[in-house]
Amino acid sequence: PITREKRGSLYRYYFNQSSSYEESKAHLDKAKSKGYSNAFIVAYIGDKKITISEALRLLK
C-alpha cells in the first residue's frame, strides 16, 4: 500500500515496507520505472528514521 504524509507544503509518499535491502531496491527500481524519478529508500526503527548504512549494519 502507498501511504501519504504531509510535511509543510510537501507530500511524502511511502510505498512498501521490507526488512530486506534487496527487496527494497527492487521496489525502488519499480517506482522509478513508473515515473517516480525522485524516489529513494528510507530506513526506520519504529518511528525513528535511521541512515541506510546503519540499517544495513543492523541487518547483518
PDB file of N, CA and C in Angstrom:
ATOM      1  N   PRO A   1       0.826  -1.206   0.000  1.00  0.00           N
ATOM      2  CA  PRO A   1       0.000   0.000   0.000  1.00  0.00           C
ATOM      3  C   PRO A   1       0.862   1.260   0.000  1.00  0.00           C
ATOM      4  N   ILE A   2       0.338   2.310  -0.564  1.00  0.00           N
ATOM      5  CA  ILE A   2       1.031   3.596  -0.584  1.00  0.00           C
ATOM      6  C   ILE A   2       0.413   4.465   0.499  1.00  0.00           C
ATOM      7  N   THR A   3       1.270   5.050   1.331  1.00  0.00           N
ATOM      8  CA  THR A   3       0.784   5.985   2.344  1.00  0.00           C
ATOM      9  C   THR A   3       1.338   7.370   2.028  1.00  0.00           C
ATOM     10  N   ARG A   4       0.600   8.392   2.423  1.00  0.00           N
ATOM     11  CA  ARG A   4       0.990   9.771   2.142  1.00  0.00           C
ATOM     12  C   ARG A   4       1.111  10.525   3.456  1.00  0.00           C
ATOM     13  N   GLU A   5       2.146  11.349   3.551  1.00  0.00           N
ATOM     14  CA  GLU A   5       2.379  12.158   4.745  1.00  0.00           C
ATOM     15  C   GLU A   5       2.672  13.584   4.294  1.00  0.00           C
ATOM     16  N   LYS A   6       2.011  14.558   4.904  1.00  0.00           N
ATOM     17  CA  LYS A   6       2.254  15.955   4.555  1.00  0.00           C
ATOM     18  C   LYS A   6       3.281  16.540   5.513  1.00  0.00           C
ATOM     19  N   ARG A   7       4.305  17.158   4.942  1.00  0.00           N
ATOM     20  CA  ARG A   7       5.330  17.852   5.729  1.00  0.00           C
ATOM     21  C   ARG A   7       5.450  19.258   5.167  1.00  0.00           C
ATOM     22  N   GLY A   8       4.927  20.221   5.899  1.00  0.00           N
ATOM     23  CA  GLY A   8       4.913  21.586   5.385  1.00  0.00           C
ATOM     24  C   GLY A   8       4.048  21.644   4.140  1.00  0.00           C
ATOM     25  N   SER A   9       4.620  22.143   3.050  1.00  0.00           N
ATOM     26  CA  SER A   9       3.866  22.225   1.799  1.00  0.00           C
ATOM     27  C   SER A   9       4.115  21.021   0.890  1.00  0.00           C
ATOM     28  N   LEU A  10       4.896  20.053   1.369  1.00  0.00           N
ATOM     29  CA  LEU A  10       5.234  18.877   0.565  1.00  0.00           C
ATOM     30  C   LEU A  10       4.493  17.639   1.039  1.00  0.00           C
ATOM     31  N   TYR A  11       4.275  16.740   0.120  1.00  0.00           N
ATOM     32  CA  TYR A  11       3.731  15.428   0.456  1.00  0.00           C
ATOM     33  C   TYR A  11       4.822  14.392   0.238  1.00  0.00           C
ATOM     34  N   ARG A  12       4.942  13.473   1.175  1.00  0.00           N
ATOM     35  CA  ARG A  12       5.849  12.342   1.027  1.00  0.00           C
ATOM     36  C   ARG A  12       4.993  11.099   0.886  1.00  0.00           C
ATOM     37  N   TYR A  13       5.376  10.274  -0.066  1.00  0.00           N
ATOM     38  CA  TYR A  13       4.657   9.033  -0.316  1.00  0.00           C
ATOM     39  C   TYR A  13       5.549   7.866   0.061  1.00  0.00           C
ATOM     40  N   TYR A  14       4.988   6.930   0.783  1.00  0.00           N
ATOM     41  CA  TYR A  14       5.725   5.740   1.212  1.00  0.00           C
ATOM     42  C   TYR A  14       5.084   4.526   0.564  1.00  0.00           C
ATOM     43  N   PHE A  15       5.934   3.701  -0.048  1.00  0.00           N
ATOM     44  CA  PHE A  15       5.459   2.524  -0.765  1.00  0.00           C
ATOM     45  C   PHE A  15       6.223   1.318  -0.268  1.00  0.00           C
ATOM     46  N   ASN A  16       5.515   0.382   0.261  1.00  0.00           N
ATOM     47  CA  ASN A  16       6.066  -0.891   0.722  1.00  0.00           C
ATOM     48  C   ASN A  16       6.859  -0.748   2.014  1.00  0.00           C
ATOM     49  N   GLN A  17       7.026  -1.862   2.647  1.00  0.00           N
ATOM     50  CA  GLN A  17       7.789  -1.966   3.883  1.00  0.00           C
ATOM     51  C   GLN A  17       8.484  -3.316   3.832  1.00  0.00           C
ATOM     52  N   SER A  18       9.783  -3.314   4.062  1.00  0.00           N
ATOM     53  CA  SER A  18      10.539  -4.558   3.959  1.00  0.00           C
ATOM     54  C   SER A  18      11.741  -4.509   4.881  1.00  0.00           C
ATOM     55  N   SER A  19      12.155  -5.661   5.358  1.00  0.00           N
ATOM     56  CA  SER A  19      13.392  -5.739   6.133  1.00  0.00           C
ATOM     57  C   SER A  19      14.528  -6.250   5.254  1.00  0.00           C
ATOM     58  N   SER A  20      14.280  -6.362   3.954  1.00  0.00           N
ATOM     59  CA  SER A  20      15.289  -6.827   3.002  1.00  0.00           C
ATOM     60  C   SER A  20      15.729  -5.664   2.115  1.00  0.00           C
ATOM     61  N   TYR A  21      17.028  -5.372   2.119  1.00  0.00           N
ATOM     62  CA  TYR A  21      17.539  -4.292   1.277  1.00  0.00           C
ATOM     63  C   TYR A  21      17.345  -4.635  -0.200  1.00  0.00           C
ATOM     64  N   GLU A  22      17.582  -5.885  -0.571  1.00  0.00           N
ATOM     65  CA  GLU A  22      17.420  -6.297  -1.969  1.00  0.00           C
ATOM     66  C   GLU A  22      15.970  -6.113  -2.424  1.00  0.00           C
ATOM     67  N   GLU A  23      15.025  -6.460  -1.579  1.00  0.00           N
ATOM     68  CA  GLU A  23      13.608  -6.265  -1.913  1.00  0.00           C
ATOM     69  C   GLU A  23      13.291  -4.778  -2.029  1.00  0.00           C
ATOM     70  N   SER A  24      13.853  -3.984  -1.127  1.00  0.00           N
ATOM     71  CA  SER A  24      13.638  -2.538  -1.176  1.00  0.00           C
ATOM     72  C   SER A  24      14.196  -1.951  -2.465  1.00  0.00           C
ATOM     73  N   LYS A  25      15.384  -2.414  -2.879  1.00  0.00           N
ATOM     74  CA  LYS A  25      15.976  -1.946  -4.135  1.00  0.00           C
ATOM     75  C   LYS A  25      15.077  -2.306  -5.318  1.00  0.00           C
ATOM     76  N   ALA A  26      14.505  -3.507  -5.310  1.00  0.00           N
ATOM     77  CA  ALA A  26      13.614  -3.921  -6.394  1.00  0.00           C
ATOM     78  C   ALA A  26      12.377  -3.023  -6.448  1.00  0.00           C
ATOM     79  N   HIS A  27      11.824  -2.682  -5.283  1.00  0.00           N
ATOM     80  CA  HIS A  27      10.661  -1.791  -5.245  1.00  0.00           C
ATOM     81  C   HIS A  27      11.043  -0.383  -5.684  1.00  0.00           C
ATOM     82  N   LEU A  28      12.243   0.056  -5.338  1.00  0.00           N
ATOM     83  CA  LEU A  28      12.722   1.366  -5.780  1.00  0.00           C
ATOM     84  C   LEU A  28      12.825   1.399  -7.302  1.00  0.00           C
ATOM     85  N   ASP A  29      13.413   0.371  -7.877  1.00  0.00           N
ATOM     86  CA  ASP A  29      13.525   0.300  -9.335  1.00  0.00           C
ATOM     87  C   ASP A  29      12.144   0.326  -9.991  1.00  0.00           C
ATOM     88  N   LYS A  30      11.193  -0.376  -9.401  1.00  0.00           N
ATOM     89  CA  LYS A  30       9.825  -0.402  -9.932  1.00  0.00           C
ATOM     90  C   LYS A  30       9.197   0.992  -9.865  1.00  0.00           C
ATOM     91  N   ALA A  31       9.362   1.673  -8.726  1.00  0.00           N
ATOM     92  CA  ALA A  31       8.808   3.021  -8.572  1.00  0.00           C
ATOM     93  C   ALA A  31       9.421   3.970  -9.600  1.00  0.00           C
ATOM     94  N   LYS A  32      10.733   3.890  -9.780  1.00  0.00           N
ATOM     95  CA  LYS A  32      11.399   4.764 -10.750  1.00  0.00           C
ATOM     96  C   LYS A  32      10.939   4.460 -12.169  1.00  0.00           C
ATOM     97  N   SER A  33      10.719   3.188 -12.478  1.00  0.00           N
ATOM     98  CA  SER A  33      10.261   2.825 -13.825  1.00  0.00           C
ATOM     99  C   SER A  33       8.841   3.315 -14.089  1.00  0.00           C
ATOM    100  N   LYS A  34       8.092   3.590 -13.022  1.00  0.00           N
ATOM    101  CA  LYS A  34       6.721   4.098 -13.155  1.00  0.00           C
ATOM    102  C   LYS A  34       6.683   5.624 -13.172  1.00  0.00           C
ATOM    103  N   GLY A  35       7.873   6.269 -13.169  1.00  0.00           N
ATOM    104  CA  GLY A  35       7.917   7.721 -13.288  1.00  0.00           C
ATOM    105  C   GLY A  35       8.258   8.475 -12.020  1.00  0.00           C
ATOM    106  N   TYR A  36       8.461   7.778 -10.925  1.00  0.00           N
ATOM    107  CA  TYR A  36       8.822   8.445  -9.670  1.00  0.00           C
ATOM    108  C   TYR A  36      10.341   8.570  -9.606  1.00  0.00           C
ATOM    109  N   SER A  37      10.893   9.451 -10.448  1.00  0.00           N
ATOM    110  CA  SER A  37      12.347   9.548 -10.609  1.00  0.00           C
ATOM    111  C   SER A  37      13.062  10.048  -9.357  1.00  0.00           C
ATOM    112  N   ASN A  38      12.362  10.710  -8.467  1.00  0.00           N
ATOM    113  CA  ASN A  38      12.977  11.214  -7.231  1.00  0.00           C
ATOM    114  C   ASN A  38      12.830  10.246  -6.067  1.00  0.00           C
ATOM    115  N   ALA A  39      12.353   9.042  -6.333  1.00  0.00           N
ATOM    116  CA  ALA A  39      12.146   8.052  -5.266  1.00  0.00           C
ATOM    117  C   ALA A  39      13.484   7.631  -4.658  1.00  0.00           C
ATOM    118  N   PHE A  40      13.443   7.281  -3.389  1.00  0.00           N
ATOM    119  CA  PHE A  40      14.638   6.788  -2.704  1.00  0.00           C
ATOM    120  C   PHE A  40      14.212   5.919  -1.538  1.00  0.00           C
ATOM    121  N   ILE A  41      15.164   5.175  -1.002  1.00  0.00           N
ATOM    122  CA  ILE A  41      14.909   4.268   0.115  1.00  0.00           C
ATOM    123  C   ILE A  41      15.140   5.007   1.423  1.00  0.00           C
ATOM    124  N   VAL A  42      14.244   4.812   2.373  1.00  0.00           N
ATOM    125  CA  VAL A  42      14.434   5.324   3.729  1.00  0.00           C
ATOM    126  C   VAL A  42      14.329   4.154   4.695  1.00  0.00           C
ATOM    127  N   ALA A  43      15.012   4.289   5.824  1.00  0.00           N
ATOM    128  CA  ALA A  43      15.016   3.219   6.828  1.00  0.00           C
ATOM    129  C   ALA A  43      14.531   3.773   8.160  1.00  0.00           C
ATOM    130  N   TYR A  44      13.780   2.955   8.863  1.00  0.00           N
ATOM    131  CA  TYR A  44      13.247   3.329  10.172  1.00  0.00           C
ATOM    132  C   TYR A  44      13.429   2.184  11.152  1.00  0.00           C
ATOM    133  N   ILE A  45      13.611   2.542  12.397  1.00  0.00           N
ATOM    134  CA  ILE A  45      13.465   1.611  13.517  1.00  0.00           C
ATOM    135  C   ILE A  45      12.319   2.190  14.331  1.00  0.00           C
ATOM    136  N   GLY A  46      11.198   1.507  14.304  1.00  0.00           N
ATOM    137  CA  GLY A  46       9.999   2.077  14.921  1.00  0.00           C
ATOM    138  C   GLY A  46       9.625   3.335  14.161  1.00  0.00           C
ATOM    139  N   ASP A  47       9.498   4.445  14.862  1.00  0.00           N
ATOM    140  CA  ASP A  47       9.177   5.723  14.229  1.00  0.00           C
ATOM    141  C   ASP A  47      10.409   6.571  13.972  1.00  0.00           C
ATOM    142  N   LYS A  48      11.588   6.061  14.316  1.00  0.00           N
ATOM    143  CA  LYS A  48      12.826   6.831  14.183  1.00  0.00           C
ATOM    144  C   LYS A  48      13.511   6.533  12.852  1.00  0.00           C
ATOM    145  N   LYS A  49      13.757   7.596  12.078  1.00  0.00           N
ATOM    146  CA  LYS A  49      14.451   7.441  10.802  1.00  0.00           C
ATOM    147  C   LYS A  49      15.937   7.222  11.077  1.00  0.00           C
ATOM    148  N   ILE A  50      16.527   6.247  10.380  1.00  0.00           N
ATOM    149  CA  ILE A  50      17.954   5.971  10.514  1.00  0.00           C
ATOM    150  C   ILE A  50      18.579   5.982   9.125  1.00  0.00           C
ATOM    151  N   THR A  51      19.904   6.034   9.085  1.00  0.00           N
ATOM    152  CA  THR A  51      20.585   6.028   7.796  1.00  0.00           C
ATOM    153  C   THR A  51      20.531   4.634   7.184  1.00  0.00           C
ATOM    154  N   ILE A  52      20.679   4.583   5.885  1.00  0.00           N
ATOM    155  CA  ILE A  52      20.705   3.295   5.192  1.00  0.00           C
ATOM    156  C   ILE A  52      21.907   2.486   5.658  1.00  0.00           C
ATOM    157  N   SER A  53      23.048   3.141   5.856  1.00  0.00           N
ATOM    158  CA  SER A  53      24.237   2.402   6.304  1.00  0.00           C
ATOM    159  C   SER A  53      24.013   1.780   7.679  1.00  0.00           C
ATOM    160  N   GLU A  54      23.324   2.492   8.569  1.00  0.00           N
ATOM    161  CA  GLU A  54      23.024   1.919   9.882  1.00  0.00           C
ATOM    162  C   GLU A  54      22.050   0.744   9.748  1.00  0.00           C
ATOM    163  N   ALA A  55      21.063   0.887   8.890  1.00  0.00           N
ATOM    164  CA  ALA A  55      20.099  -0.200   8.678  1.00  0.00           C
ATOM    165  C   ALA A  55      20.796  -1.439   8.125  1.00  0.00           C
ATOM    166  N   LEU A  56      21.696  -1.250   7.172  1.00  0.00           N
ATOM    167  CA  LEU A  56      22.429  -2.382   6.604  1.00  0.00           C
ATOM    168  C   LEU A  56      23.302  -3.051   7.658  1.00  0.00           C
ATOM    169  N   ARG A  57      23.914  -2.243   8.511  1.00  0.00           N
ATOM    170  CA  ARG A  57      24.739  -2.793   9.592  1.00  0.00           C
ATOM    171  C   ARG A  57      23.880  -3.624  10.539  1.00  0.00           C
ATOM    172  N   LEU A  58      22.688  -3.148  10.859  1.00  0.00           N
ATOM    173  CA  LEU A  58      21.797  -3.863  11.770  1.00  0.00           C
ATOM    174  C   LEU A  58      21.239  -5.148  11.158  1.00  0.00           C
ATOM    175  N   LEU A  59      21.147  -5.196   9.834  1.00  0.00           N
ATOM    176  CA  LEU A  59      20.637  -6.393   9.167  1.00  0.00           C
ATOM    177  C   LEU A  59      21.638  -7.540   9.181  1.00  0.00           C
ATOM    178  N   LYS A  60      22.909  -7.223   9.396  1.00  0.00           N
ATOM    179  CA  LYS A  60      23.943  -8.275   9.386  1.00  0.00           C
ATOM    180  C   LYS A  60      23.928  -9.085  10.652  1.00  0.00           C
TER     181      LYS A  60
END
